[in-house]
Amino acid sequence: MSGSEPQPILEVEGLTKHYSLARGFGRGGRTGGGVVRAVDDVSFELREGETLGIVGESGCGKSTTARMLVGLIEPTSGSVRYRGETLDDRGRRRAKELRRELQIVFQDPYSSLNPRRTIGGIVRQPLDVHGIGDGARERRMRVEELLEQVGLGPAYARRYPHELSGGQRQRVGIARALALGPQVLVADEPVSALDVSVQAQVLNLLRELHDQLGLTLVLIAHDLSVVRHMCDRVAVMYLGKLVEIGPTDDLYVTPSHPYTSALLASVPVPDPARRDDDRQALHGDLPSPAGPPSGCRFHTRCPRAQARCAAEEPPLRATAGALAAACHFPLAGEAP
């Protein structure tokens, strides 16, 4: 990398999270332990000011990855570096300062807000914890400014979460995430729990804040049309692994990985004349992360699978265009 090229703001290398299963007794008798491989060896870079979308089926590890990015979950192995500094507990004071730069908006706007606190108290809490602002008056003014910024208003500071709609609660969650002035904002499926009529409003708010504040955004979503509208690049996860990553337009027009193609084929198209019959829809259930298939984890559902796919795990490597895919037989063919 030359000196003129910008350094990535966030570097994720070999990020892994495994959970041990407890031994005990179930209906079928004694149950053994084991390991749930929630996230396995995920690596990518995030450039300053860009928006990266992370997509995949439920249970593929998207939310676990999001929580590790902001330090809410400690990885089993691997690292997350913000501007070259690793987020860990070797220096707790510095780690706390770094985590101010990375904040998260949670998926559920109902369970993520304390029902016993007012909206003002919820948004002010990060300021209190980090000692930002000189006194109660300055912090109150900051809270009012944040509520205005997300389209609410100072009057909402005196209300409680149960008095707000789902969309308003999510705006409160966004205001709380912005309280510390972060550089990286992780939005973990921020509209999946909202009414369709409200989803566009929240997404437009995130896009406006991205442009106004110069945020770097990680957007986790199920809705592929939302990701295409919002994101510069897209990362596709399957069963804890990163299987494809690249620019949004390239990935949506000419995907390299069969799983990506199947995801795109599963999106309903209202016009029958525009259906793409060349893409094969996804069939079968997602295997258990406690016992993932050998080799390529997608080979049990892949229409292009061959013997090599079950025996050898494919690395993430460049394919045609600007995409990178973990596939022995990519759709677009390997780049020379």
C-alpha atoms as a PDB file:
ATOM      1  CA  MET A   1       0.000   0.000   0.000  1.00  0.00           C
ATOM      2  CA  SER A   2       1.445   3.361  -1.003  1.00  0.00           C
ATOM      3  CA  GLY A   3       1.695   6.317   1.367  1.00  0.00           C
ATOM      4  CA  SER A   4      -0.914   8.293  -0.606  1.00  0.00           C
ATOM      5  CA  GLU A   5      -3.675   5.703  -0.085  1.00  0.00           C
ATOM      6  CA  PRO A   6      -5.867   6.142   3.012  1.00  0.00           C
ATOM      7  CA  GLN A   7      -5.397   3.669   5.841  1.00  0.00           C
ATOM      8  CA  PRO A   8      -8.455   1.627   6.840  1.00  0.00           C
ATOM      9  CA  ILE A   9     -10.287   2.948   9.881  1.00  0.00           C
ATOM     10  CA  LEU A  10     -11.178  -0.579  11.046  1.00  0.00           C
ATOM     11  CA  GLU A  11      -9.212  -3.785  10.435  1.00  0.00           C
ATOM     12  CA  VAL A  12     -10.729  -7.139  11.313  1.00  0.00           C
ATOM     13  CA  GLU A  13      -8.329 -10.072  11.218  1.00  0.00           C
ATOM     14  CA  GLY A  14      -9.167 -13.715  11.908  1.00  0.00           C
ATOM     15  CA  LEU A  15     -12.149 -12.802  14.081  1.00  0.00           C
ATOM     16  CA  THR A  16     -13.489 -15.952  15.733  1.00  0.00           C
ATOM     17  CA  LYS A  17     -16.111 -16.647  18.399  1.00  0.00           C
ATOM     18  CA  HIS A  18     -16.827 -20.151  19.681  1.00  0.00           C
ATOM     19  CA  TYR A  19     -19.263 -21.037  22.460  1.00  0.00           C
ATOM     20  CA  SER A  20     -18.899 -24.192  24.549  1.00  0.00           C
ATOM     21  CA  LEU A  21     -22.034 -26.285  24.945  1.00  0.00           C
ATOM     22  CA  ALA A  22     -22.768 -27.370  28.509  1.00  0.00           C
ATOM     23  CA  ARG A  23     -23.027 -31.044  29.339  1.00  0.00           C
ATOM     24  CA  GLY A  24     -26.264 -32.204  30.882  1.00  0.00           C
ATOM     25  CA  PHE A  25     -29.368 -34.334  30.474  1.00  0.00           C
ATOM     26  CA  GLY A  26     -32.090 -33.885  27.919  1.00  0.00           C
ATOM     27  CA  ARG A  27     -35.150 -35.826  26.806  1.00  0.00           C
ATOM     28  CA  GLY A  28     -32.954 -38.180  24.851  1.00  0.00           C
ATOM     29  CA  GLY A  29     -30.630 -38.826  27.788  1.00  0.00           C
ATOM     30  CA  ARG A  30     -27.218 -37.391  28.499  1.00  0.00           C
ATOM     31  CA  THR A  31     -26.099 -34.647  26.131  1.00  0.00           C
ATOM     32  CA  GLY A  32     -22.430 -34.135  25.435  1.00  0.00           C
ATOM     33  CA  GLY A  33     -20.620 -30.843  25.204  1.00  0.00           C
ATOM     34  CA  GLY A  34     -19.227 -29.459  22.002  1.00  0.00           C
ATOM     35  CA  VAL A  35     -18.550 -26.103  20.428  1.00  0.00           C
ATOM     36  CA  VAL A  36     -20.829 -23.734  18.555  1.00  0.00           C
ATOM     37  CA  ARG A  37     -18.775 -22.000  15.868  1.00  0.00           C
ATOM     38  CA  ALA A  38     -20.721 -18.737  15.752  1.00  0.00           C
ATOM     39  CA  VAL A  39     -18.017 -16.832  13.829  1.00  0.00           C
ATOM     40  CA  ASP A  40     -14.974 -18.442  12.242  1.00  0.00           C
ATOM     41  CA  ASP A  41     -11.896 -16.610  10.942  1.00  0.00           C
ATOM     42  CA  VAL A  42     -13.570 -13.483   9.527  1.00  0.00           C
ATOM     43  CA  SER A  43     -11.260 -10.817   8.072  1.00  0.00           C
ATOM     44  CA  PHE A  44     -12.008  -7.557   6.274  1.00  0.00           C
ATOM     45  CA  GLU A  45     -11.097  -3.873   6.222  1.00  0.00           C
ATOM     46  CA  LEU A  46     -13.377  -0.873   6.556  1.00  0.00           C
ATOM     47  CA  ARG A  47     -12.377   2.365   4.892  1.00  0.00           C
ATOM     48  CA  GLU A  48     -13.162   5.701   6.466  1.00  0.00           C
ATOM     49  CA  GLY A  49     -16.484   7.166   5.382  1.00  0.00           C
ATOM     50  CA  GLU A  50     -17.778   4.069   3.582  1.00  0.00           C
ATOM     51  CA  THR A  51     -20.849   2.006   4.340  1.00  0.00           C
ATOM     52  CA  LEU A  52     -20.362  -1.758   4.529  1.00  0.00           C
ATOM     53  CA  GLY A  53     -23.361  -4.079   4.486  1.00  0.00           C
ATOM     54  CA  ILE A  54     -23.223  -7.534   6.087  1.00  0.00           C
ATOM     55  CA  VAL A  55     -25.867  -9.987   4.877  1.00  0.00           C
ATOM     56  CA  GLY A  56     -26.725 -13.652   5.306  1.00  0.00           C
ATOM     57  CA  GLU A  57     -29.339 -16.000   6.700  1.00  0.00           C
ATOM     58  CA  SER A  58     -30.388 -15.940  10.351  1.00  0.00           C
ATOM     59  CA  GLY A  59     -27.779 -17.698  12.457  1.00  0.00           C
ATOM     60  CA  CYS A  60     -24.850 -16.994  10.150  1.00  0.00           C
ATOM     61  CA  GLY A  61     -23.006 -14.874  12.746  1.00  0.00           C
ATOM     62  CA  LYS A  62     -23.836 -11.323  11.648  1.00  0.00           C
ATOM     63  CA  SER A  63     -24.939 -10.011  15.058  1.00  0.00           C
ATOM     64  CA  THR A  64     -22.105 -11.775  16.877  1.00  0.00           C
ATOM     65  CA  THR A  65     -19.667 -10.108  14.495  1.00  0.00           C
ATOM     66  CA  ALA A  66     -21.316  -6.730  15.128  1.00  0.00           C
ATOM     67  CA  ARG A  67     -20.936  -7.064  18.880  1.00  0.00           C
ATOM     68  CA  MET A  68     -17.294  -8.053  18.591  1.00  0.00           C
ATOM     69  CA  LEU A  69     -16.608  -5.023  16.398  1.00  0.00           C
ATOM     70  CA  VAL A  70     -17.635  -2.669  19.226  1.00  0.00           C
ATOM     71  CA  GLY A  71     -16.154  -4.716  22.059  1.00  0.00           C
ATOM     72  CA  LEU A  72     -19.391  -6.017  23.591  1.00  0.00           C
ATOM     73  CA  ILE A  73     -18.287  -9.620  23.051  1.00  0.00           C
ATOM     74  CA  GLU A  74     -14.717 -10.784  23.545  1.00  0.00           C
ATOM     75  CA  PRO A  75     -13.527 -12.867  20.581  1.00  0.00           C
ATOM     76  CA  THR A  76     -12.159 -16.357  21.062  1.00  0.00           C
ATOM     77  CA  SER A  77      -9.310 -15.379  18.742  1.00  0.00           C
ATOM     78  CA  GLY A  78      -8.501 -12.736  16.161  1.00  0.00           C
ATOM     79  CA  SER A  79      -8.433  -8.981  16.542  1.00  0.00           C
ATOM     80  CA  VAL A  80     -10.249  -5.735  15.769  1.00  0.00           C
ATOM     81  CA  ARG A  81      -8.019  -2.708  15.193  1.00  0.00           C
ATOM     82  CA  TYR A  82      -9.306   0.852  15.141  1.00  0.00           C
ATOM     83  CA  ARG A  83      -6.859   3.200  13.390  1.00  0.00           C
ATOM     84  CA  GLY A  84      -4.116   0.671  14.050  1.00  0.00           C
ATOM     85  CA  GLU A  85      -4.876   0.152  17.761  1.00  0.00           C
ATOM     86  CA  THR A  86      -6.222  -3.182  18.954  1.00  0.00           C
ATOM     87  CA  LEU A  87      -9.347  -3.265  21.082  1.00  0.00           C
ATOM     88  CA  ASP A  88      -8.471  -5.386  24.095  1.00  0.00           C
ATOM     89  CA  ASP A  89      -8.219  -5.185  27.876  1.00  0.00           C
ATOM     90  CA  ARG A  90      -4.463  -4.824  28.188  1.00  0.00           C
ATOM     91  CA  GLY A  91      -4.986  -1.130  28.886  1.00  0.00           C
ATOM     92  CA  ARG A  92      -8.510  -0.658  30.193  1.00  0.00           C
ATOM     93  CA  ARG A  93      -8.458   3.138  30.176  1.00  0.00           C
ATOM     94  CA  ARG A  94      -7.285   3.316  26.575  1.00  0.00           C
ATOM     95  CA  ALA A  95      -9.716   0.573  25.553  1.00  0.00           C
ATOM     96  CA  LYS A  96     -12.553   2.604  27.074  1.00  0.00           C
ATOM     97  CA  GLU A  97     -11.428   5.664  25.099  1.00  0.00           C
ATOM     98  CA  LEU A  98     -11.270   3.668  21.864  1.00  0.00           C
ATOM     99  CA  ARG A  99     -14.749   2.233  22.390  1.00  0.00           C
ATOM    100  CA  ARG A 100     -16.136   5.770  22.397  1.00  0.00           C
ATOM    101  CA  GLU A 101     -15.256   5.795  18.708  1.00  0.00           C
ATOM    102  CA  LEU A 102     -17.296   2.663  17.943  1.00  0.00           C
ATOM    103  CA  GLN A 103     -20.979   2.559  18.852  1.00  0.00           C
ATOM    104  CA  ILE A 104     -23.876   0.262  18.036  1.00  0.00           C
ATOM    105  CA  VAL A 105     -27.593   0.611  17.294  1.00  0.00           C
ATOM    106  CA  PHE A 106     -29.377  -2.541  18.434  1.00  0.00           C
ATOM    107  CA  GLN A 107     -31.967  -4.471  16.500  1.00  0.00           C
ATOM    108  CA  ASP A 108     -34.823  -4.388  19.023  1.00  0.00           C
ATOM    109  CA  PRO A 109     -35.872  -0.848  20.022  1.00  0.00           C
ATOM    110  CA  TYR A 110     -38.094  -2.300  22.765  1.00  0.00           C
ATOM    111  CA  SER A 111     -35.642  -4.380  24.792  1.00  0.00           C
ATOM    112  CA  SER A 112     -32.603  -2.113  24.202  1.00  0.00           C
ATOM    113  CA  LEU A 113     -34.050   0.817  26.201  1.00  0.00           C
ATOM    114  CA  ASN A 114     -34.374   0.789  29.995  1.00  0.00           C
ATOM    115  CA  PRO A 115     -38.125   1.128  30.719  1.00  0.00           C
ATOM    116  CA  ARG A 116     -37.441   2.722  34.117  1.00  0.00           C
ATOM    117  CA  ARG A 117     -35.458   5.650  32.765  1.00  0.00           C
ATOM    118  CA  THR A 118     -36.661   8.686  30.902  1.00  0.00           C
ATOM    119  CA  ILE A 119     -35.535   9.241  27.329  1.00  0.00           C
ATOM    120  CA  GLY A 120     -33.314  12.065  28.537  1.00  0.00           C
ATOM    121  CA  GLY A 121     -31.683   9.780  31.093  1.00  0.00           C
ATOM    122  CA  ILE A 122     -31.106   7.056  28.501  1.00  0.00           C
ATOM    123  CA  VAL A 123     -29.396   9.405  26.045  1.00  0.00           C
ATOM    124  CA  ARG A 124     -27.434  11.132  28.832  1.00  0.00           C
ATOM    125  CA  GLN A 125     -26.057   7.933  30.336  1.00  0.00           C
ATOM    126  CA  PRO A 126     -23.065   7.613  27.944  1.00  0.00           C
ATOM    127  CA  LEU A 127     -22.133  11.230  28.761  1.00  0.00           C
ATOM    128  CA  ASP A 128     -22.260  10.454  32.486  1.00  0.00           C
ATOM    129  CA  VAL A 129     -20.199   7.258  32.169  1.00  0.00           C
ATOM    130  CA  HIS A 130     -17.465   8.944  30.129  1.00  0.00           C
ATOM    131  CA  GLY A 131     -17.564  12.257  32.014  1.00  0.00           C
ATOM    132  CA  ILE A 132     -18.388  14.358  28.966  1.00  0.00           C
ATOM    133  CA  GLY A 133     -19.719  17.875  29.570  1.00  0.00           C
ATOM    134  CA  ASP A 134     -19.276  20.326  32.421  1.00  0.00           C
ATOM    135  CA  GLY A 135     -22.198  19.770  34.704  1.00  0.00           C
ATOM    136  CA  ALA A 136     -25.837  18.795  34.367  1.00  0.00           C
ATOM    137  CA  ARG A 137     -26.849  21.836  32.307  1.00  0.00           C
ATOM    138  CA  GLU A 138     -24.332  21.215  29.539  1.00  0.00           C
ATOM    139  CA  ARG A 139     -25.252  17.537  29.370  1.00  0.00           C
ATOM    140  CA  ARG A 140     -28.938  18.387  29.238  1.00  0.00           C
ATOM    141  CA  MET A 141     -28.274  20.722  26.323  1.00  0.00           C
ATOM    142  CA  ARG A 142     -26.319  17.974  24.572  1.00  0.00           C
ATOM    143  CA  VAL A 143     -29.225  15.544  25.056  1.00  0.00           C
ATOM    144  CA  GLU A 144     -31.676  18.053  23.570  1.00  0.00           C
ATOM    145  CA  GLU A 145     -29.348  18.598  20.624  1.00  0.00           C
ATOM    146  CA  LEU A 146     -29.134  14.856  19.985  1.00  0.00           C
ATOM    147  CA  LEU A 147     -32.919  14.416  20.136  1.00  0.00           C
ATOM    148  CA  GLU A 148     -33.319  17.238  17.637  1.00  0.00           C
ATOM    149  CA  GLN A 149     -30.714  15.618  15.409  1.00  0.00           C
ATOM    150  CA  VAL A 150     -32.674  12.369  15.154  1.00  0.00           C
ATOM    151  CA  GLY A 151     -35.982  14.074  14.441  1.00  0.00           C
ATOM    152  CA  LEU A 152     -37.566  14.074  17.891  1.00  0.00           C
ATOM    153  CA  GLY A 153     -37.257  17.143  20.103  1.00  0.00           C
ATOM    154  CA  PRO A 154     -36.428  18.371  23.633  1.00  0.00           C
ATOM    155  CA  ALA A 155     -39.927  17.505  24.897  1.00  0.00           C
ATOM    156  CA  TYR A 156     -39.212  13.794  24.414  1.00  0.00           C
ATOM    157  CA  ALA A 157     -36.517  13.913  27.100  1.00  0.00           C
ATOM    158  CA  ARG A 158     -39.196  13.783  29.803  1.00  0.00           C
ATOM    159  CA  ARG A 159     -41.023  10.770  28.349  1.00  0.00           C
ATOM    160  CA  TYR A 160     -40.520   7.061  28.985  1.00  0.00           C
ATOM    161  CA  PRO A 161     -39.941   4.358  26.358  1.00  0.00           C
ATOM    162  CA  HIS A 162     -43.452   2.902  26.698  1.00  0.00           C
ATOM    163  CA  GLU A 163     -44.862   6.238  25.552  1.00  0.00           C
ATOM    164  CA  LEU A 164     -43.071   6.057  22.192  1.00  0.00           C
ATOM    165  CA  SER A 165     -43.703   4.138  18.995  1.00  0.00           C
ATOM    166  CA  GLY A 166     -41.193   1.621  17.636  1.00  0.00           C
ATOM    167  CA  GLY A 167     -39.752   4.114  15.160  1.00  0.00           C
ATOM    168  CA  GLN A 168     -39.387   6.772  17.850  1.00  0.00           C
ATOM    169  CA  ARG A 169     -37.652   4.308  20.153  1.00  0.00           C
ATOM    170  CA  GLN A 170     -35.177   3.414  17.449  1.00  0.00           C
ATOM    171  CA  ARG A 171     -34.452   7.112  16.978  1.00  0.00           C
ATOM    172  CA  VAL A 172     -33.669   7.248  20.689  1.00  0.00           C
ATOM    173  CA  GLY A 173     -31.295   4.315  20.218  1.00  0.00           C
ATOM    174  CA  ILE A 174     -29.571   6.181  17.406  1.00  0.00           C
ATOM    175  CA  ALA A 175     -29.311   9.343  19.550  1.00  0.00           C
ATOM    176  CA  ARG A 176     -27.729   7.334  22.369  1.00  0.00           C
ATOM    177  CA  ALA A 177     -25.223   5.808  19.940  1.00  0.00           C
ATOM    178  CA  LEU A 178     -24.278   9.283  18.674  1.00  0.00           C
ATOM    179  CA  ALA A 179     -23.880  10.795  22.153  1.00  0.00           C
ATOM    180  CA  LEU A 180     -20.119  10.147  22.346  1.00  0.00           C
ATOM    181  CA  GLY A 181     -19.398  11.388  18.821  1.00  0.00           C
ATOM    182  CA  PRO A 182     -18.318   8.028  17.337  1.00  0.00           C
ATOM    183  CA  GLN A 183     -16.484   7.619  14.060  1.00  0.00           C
ATOM    184  CA  VAL A 184     -17.825   4.118  13.354  1.00  0.00           C
ATOM    185  CA  LEU A 185     -21.501   3.253  13.794  1.00  0.00           C
ATOM    186  CA  VAL A 186     -22.652  -0.376  13.659  1.00  0.00           C
ATOM    187  CA  ALA A 187     -26.375  -0.752  12.921  1.00  0.00           C
ATOM    188  CA  ASP A 188     -27.495  -4.291  13.724  1.00  0.00           C
ATOM    189  CA  GLU A 189     -30.665  -4.800  11.660  1.00  0.00           C
ATOM    190  CA  PRO A 190     -31.996  -1.408  12.812  1.00  0.00           C
ATOM    191  CA  VAL A 191     -35.337  -1.637  10.968  1.00  0.00           C
ATOM    192  CA  SER A 192     -36.254  -5.332  11.109  1.00  0.00           C
ATOM    193  CA  ALA A 193     -38.516  -4.833  14.162  1.00  0.00           C
ATOM    194  CA  LEU A 194     -40.281  -1.783  12.704  1.00  0.00           C
ATOM    195  CA  ASP A 195     -43.383  -1.337  10.581  1.00  0.00           C
ATOM    196  CA  VAL A 196     -42.727  -1.109   6.860  1.00  0.00           C
ATOM    197  CA  SER A 197     -44.044   2.468   6.800  1.00  0.00           C
ATOM    198  CA  VAL A 198     -41.407   3.503   9.362  1.00  0.00           C
ATOM    199  CA  GLN A 199     -38.420   1.599   7.999  1.00  0.00           C
ATOM    200  CA  ALA A 200     -37.693   4.065   5.194  1.00  0.00           C
ATOM    201  CA  GLN A 201     -37.727   6.986   7.649  1.00  0.00           C
ATOM    202  CA  VAL A 202     -35.120   5.372   9.912  1.00  0.00           C
ATOM    203  CA  LEU A 203     -32.930   4.349   6.963  1.00  0.00           C
ATOM    204  CA  ASN A 204     -33.076   7.851   5.512  1.00  0.00           C
ATOM    205  CA  LEU A 205     -32.101   9.214   8.927  1.00  0.00           C
ATOM    206  CA  LEU A 206     -29.055   6.932   9.055  1.00  0.00           C
ATOM    207  CA  ARG A 207     -28.045   8.014   5.577  1.00  0.00           C
ATOM    208  CA  GLU A 208     -28.412  11.705   6.469  1.00  0.00           C
ATOM    209  CA  LEU A 209     -26.340  11.251   9.624  1.00  0.00           C
ATOM    210  CA  HIS A 210     -23.704   9.368   7.634  1.00  0.00           C
ATOM    211  CA  ASP A 211     -23.384  12.301   5.245  1.00  0.00           C
ATOM    212  CA  GLN A 212     -23.639  15.092   7.842  1.00  0.00           C
ATOM    213  CA  LEU A 213     -21.284  13.628  10.451  1.00  0.00           C
ATOM    214  CA  GLY A 214     -18.890  11.783   8.144  1.00  0.00           C
ATOM    215  CA  LEU A 215     -19.660   8.481   9.838  1.00  0.00           C
ATOM    216  CA  THR A 216     -18.292   5.120   8.788  1.00  0.00           C
ATOM    217  CA  LEU A 217     -21.273   2.761   8.842  1.00  0.00           C
ATOM    218  CA  VAL A 218     -21.608  -1.007   9.172  1.00  0.00           C
ATOM    219  CA  LEU A 219     -25.162  -2.025   8.281  1.00  0.00           C
ATOM    220  CA  ILE A 220     -26.395  -5.521   9.078  1.00  0.00           C
ATOM    221  CA  ALA A 221     -29.638  -6.408   7.334  1.00  0.00           C
ATOM    222  CA  HIS A 222     -31.793  -9.187   5.883  1.00  0.00           C
ATOM    223  CA  ASP A 223     -33.370  -6.983   3.230  1.00  0.00           C
ATOM    224  CA  LEU A 224     -31.023  -7.100   0.241  1.00  0.00           C
ATOM    225  CA  SER A 225     -32.754  -4.155  -1.446  1.00  0.00           C
ATOM    226  CA  VAL A 226     -31.999  -2.002   1.603  1.00  0.00           C
ATOM    227  CA  VAL A 227     -28.338  -3.020   1.503  1.00  0.00           C
ATOM    228  CA  ARG A 228     -28.077  -2.203  -2.195  1.00  0.00           C
ATOM    229  CA  HIS A 229     -29.604   1.223  -1.589  1.00  0.00           C
ATOM    230  CA  MET A 230     -27.430   2.079   1.422  1.00  0.00           C
ATOM    231  CA  CYS A 231     -24.032   0.419   1.053  1.00  0.00           C
ATOM    232  CA  ASP A 232     -20.811   0.948  -0.894  1.00  0.00           C
ATOM    233  CA  ARG A 233     -19.606  -2.619  -0.317  1.00  0.00           C
ATOM    234  CA  VAL A 234     -21.271  -5.832   0.802  1.00  0.00           C
ATOM    235  CA  ALA A 235     -19.929  -8.769   2.821  1.00  0.00           C
ATOM    236  CA  VAL A 236     -21.831 -12.074   2.631  1.00  0.00           C
ATOM    237  CA  MET A 237     -21.654 -14.510   5.569  1.00  0.00           C
ATOM    238  CA  TYR A 238     -22.640 -18.170   5.679  1.00  0.00           C
ATOM    239  CA  LEU A 239     -22.513 -20.332   8.799  1.00  0.00           C
ATOM    240  CA  GLY A 240     -19.951 -18.127  10.540  1.00  0.00           C
ATOM    241  CA  LYS A 241     -17.698 -17.657   7.506  1.00  0.00           C
ATOM    242  CA  LEU A 242     -17.190 -14.752   5.144  1.00  0.00           C
ATOM    243  CA  VAL A 243     -17.886 -16.180   1.676  1.00  0.00           C
ATOM    244  CA  GLU A 244     -17.871 -13.070  -0.543  1.00  0.00           C
ATOM    245  CA  ILE A 245     -17.090  -9.376  -0.308  1.00  0.00           C
ATOM    246  CA  GLY A 246     -16.881  -6.576  -2.835  1.00  0.00           C
ATOM    247  CA  PRO A 247     -18.458  -3.431  -4.296  1.00  0.00           C
ATOM    248  CA  THR A 248     -22.247  -3.421  -4.165  1.00  0.00           C
ATOM    249  CA  ASP A 249     -22.886  -3.007  -7.878  1.00  0.00           C
ATOM    250  CA  ASP A 250     -20.466  -5.800  -8.840  1.00  0.00           C
ATOM    251  CA  LEU A 251     -21.828  -8.186  -6.252  1.00  0.00           C
ATOM    252  CA  TYR A 252     -25.470  -7.651  -7.175  1.00  0.00           C
ATOM    253  CA  VAL A 253     -24.937  -7.821 -10.953  1.00  0.00           C
ATOM    254  CA  THR A 254     -22.308 -10.579 -11.239  1.00  0.00           C
ATOM    255  CA  PRO A 255     -21.952 -12.454  -7.927  1.00  0.00           C
ATOM    256  CA  SER A 256     -19.093 -14.939  -7.745  1.00  0.00           C
ATOM    257  CA  HIS A 257     -20.238 -17.225  -4.942  1.00  0.00           C
ATOM    258  CA  PRO A 258     -23.189 -19.594  -5.522  1.00  0.00           C
ATOM    259  CA  TYR A 259     -24.586 -18.689  -2.093  1.00  0.00           C
ATOM    260  CA  THR A 260     -24.675 -15.002  -2.977  1.00  0.00           C
ATOM    261  CA  SER A 261     -26.428 -15.821  -6.223  1.00  0.00           C
ATOM    262  CA  ALA A 262     -28.976 -17.936  -4.358  1.00  0.00           C
ATOM    263  CA  LEU A 263     -29.633 -15.122  -1.863  1.00  0.00           C
ATOM    264  CA  LEU A 264     -30.267 -12.692  -4.693  1.00  0.00           C
ATOM    265  CA  ALA A 265     -32.549 -15.202  -6.426  1.00  0.00           C
ATOM    266  CA  SER A 266     -34.640 -15.449  -3.258  1.00  0.00           C
ATOM    267  CA  VAL A 267     -35.613 -11.762  -3.439  1.00  0.00           C
ATOM    268  CA  PRO A 268     -39.185 -11.454  -4.794  1.00  0.00           C
ATOM    269  CA  VAL A 269     -39.459  -9.605  -8.115  1.00  0.00           C
ATOM    270  CA  PRO A 270     -42.890  -8.058  -8.769  1.00  0.00           C
ATOM    271  CA  ASP A 271     -42.456  -8.064 -12.552  1.00  0.00           C
ATOM    272  CA  PRO A 272     -42.428 -11.623 -14.006  1.00  0.00           C
ATOM    273  CA  ALA A 273     -40.764 -10.335 -17.168  1.00  0.00           C
ATOM    274  CA  ARG A 274     -37.713  -9.246 -15.127  1.00  0.00           C
ATOM    275  CA  ARG A 275     -37.163 -12.524 -13.302  1.00  0.00           C
ATOM    276  CA  ASP A 276     -33.699 -13.996 -13.681  1.00  0.00           C
ATOM    277  CA  ASP A 277     -34.208 -17.706 -14.361  1.00  0.00           C
ATOM    278  CA  ASP A 278     -30.458 -18.354 -14.544  1.00  0.00           C
ATOM    279  CA  ARG A 279     -30.064 -17.937 -10.790  1.00  0.00           C
ATOM    280  CA  GLN A 280     -30.996 -20.963  -8.737  1.00  0.00           C
ATOM    281  CA  ALA A 281     -32.930 -20.347  -5.520  1.00  0.00           C
ATOM    282  CA  LEU A 282     -31.558 -21.562  -2.194  1.00  0.00           C
ATOM    283  CA  HIS A 283     -32.863 -24.920  -0.946  1.00  0.00           C
ATOM    284  CA  GLY A 284     -32.487 -26.838   2.292  1.00  0.00           C
ATOM    285  CA  ASP A 285     -31.884 -25.752   5.866  1.00  0.00           C
ATOM    286  CA  LEU A 286     -28.831 -24.083   7.342  1.00  0.00           C
ATOM    287  CA  PRO A 287     -26.594 -26.737   8.990  1.00  0.00           C
ATOM    288  CA  SER A 288     -25.920 -26.486  12.712  1.00  0.00           C
ATOM    289  CA  PRO A 289     -22.945 -24.292  13.703  1.00  0.00           C
ATOM    290  CA  ALA A 290     -22.195 -26.950  16.355  1.00  0.00           C
ATOM    291  CA  GLY A 291     -21.360 -29.406  13.578  1.00  0.00           C
ATOM    292  CA  PRO A 292     -20.586 -27.521  10.355  1.00  0.00           C
ATOM    293  CA  PRO A 293     -19.906 -29.518   7.173  1.00  0.00           C
ATOM    294  CA  SER A 294     -16.327 -30.299   6.221  1.00  0.00           C
ATOM    295  CA  GLY A 295     -14.532 -28.349   3.522  1.00  0.00           C
ATOM    296  CA  CYS A 296     -16.709 -25.603   2.103  1.00  0.00           C
ATOM    297  CA  ARG A 297     -19.590 -25.168   4.532  1.00  0.00           C
ATOM    298  CA  PHE A 298     -22.006 -24.412   1.696  1.00  0.00           C
ATOM    299  CA  HIS A 299     -21.299 -27.599  -0.277  1.00  0.00           C
ATOM    300  CA  THR A 300     -24.280 -29.479   1.229  1.00  0.00           C
ATOM    301  CA  ARG A 301     -26.657 -26.965  -0.427  1.00  0.00           C
ATOM    302  CA  CYS A 302     -24.599 -25.896  -3.438  1.00  0.00           C
ATOM    303  CA  PRO A 303     -25.704 -26.969  -6.951  1.00  0.00           C
ATOM    304  CA  ARG A 304     -22.083 -26.664  -8.185  1.00  0.00           C
ATOM    305  CA  ALA A 305     -20.495 -28.766  -5.422  1.00  0.00           C
ATOM    306  CA  GLN A 306     -17.867 -31.360  -6.335  1.00  0.00           C
ATOM    307  CA  ALA A 307     -15.728 -33.768  -4.321  1.00  0.00           C
ATOM    308  CA  ARG A 308     -13.084 -31.110  -3.723  1.00  0.00           C
ATOM    309  CA  CYS A 309     -15.649 -28.886  -1.994  1.00  0.00           C
ATOM    310  CA  ALA A 310     -16.278 -31.454   0.759  1.00  0.00           C
ATOM    311  CA  ALA A 311     -12.576 -32.188   1.271  1.00  0.00           C
ATOM    312  CA  GLU A 312     -10.930 -28.770   1.095  1.00  0.00           C
ATOM    313  CA  GLU A 313     -11.990 -25.446   2.582  1.00  0.00           C
ATOM    314  CA  PRO A 314     -11.687 -22.684  -0.034  1.00  0.00           C
ATOM    315  CA  PRO A 315      -9.794 -19.501   0.917  1.00  0.00           C
ATOM    316  CA  LEU A 316     -11.172 -16.040   0.257  1.00  0.00           C
ATOM    317  CA  ARG A 317      -9.477 -14.915  -2.962  1.00  0.00           C
ATOM    318  CA  ALA A 318      -9.969 -12.493  -5.827  1.00  0.00           C
ATOM    319  CA  THR A 319     -12.407 -13.379  -8.574  1.00  0.00           C
ATOM    320  CA  ALA A 320     -13.458 -11.493 -11.706  1.00  0.00           C
ATOM    321  CA  GLY A 321     -13.912  -7.768 -11.158  1.00  0.00           C
ATOM    322  CA  ALA A 322     -13.320  -6.321  -7.686  1.00  0.00           C
ATOM    323  CA  LEU A 323     -14.943  -9.196  -5.808  1.00  0.00           C
ATOM    324  CA  ALA A 324     -13.349 -11.762  -3.503  1.00  0.00           C
ATOM    325  CA  ALA A 325     -15.059 -15.088  -2.879  1.00  0.00           C
ATOM    326  CA  ALA A 326     -14.354 -18.291  -0.946  1.00  0.00           C
ATOM    327  CA  CYS A 327     -15.259 -20.795  -3.640  1.00  0.00           C
ATOM    328  CA  HIS A 328     -13.369 -23.467  -5.585  1.00  0.00           C
ATOM    329  CA  PHE A 329     -15.622 -22.999  -8.597  1.00  0.00           C
ATOM    330  CA  PRO A 330     -16.803 -19.354  -8.609  1.00  0.00           C
ATOM    331  CA  LEU A 331     -19.535 -18.287 -10.970  1.00  0.00           C
ATOM    332  CA  ALA A 332     -17.487 -15.480 -12.513  1.00  0.00           C
ATOM    333  CA  GLY A 333     -14.227 -17.432 -12.692  1.00  0.00           C
ATOM    334  CA  GLU A 334     -10.970 -16.575 -10.976  1.00  0.00           C
ATOM    335  CA  ALA A 335      -9.070 -13.481 -11.964  1.00  0.00           C
ATOM    336  CA  PRO A 336      -5.741 -14.112 -13.730  1.00  0.00           C
END
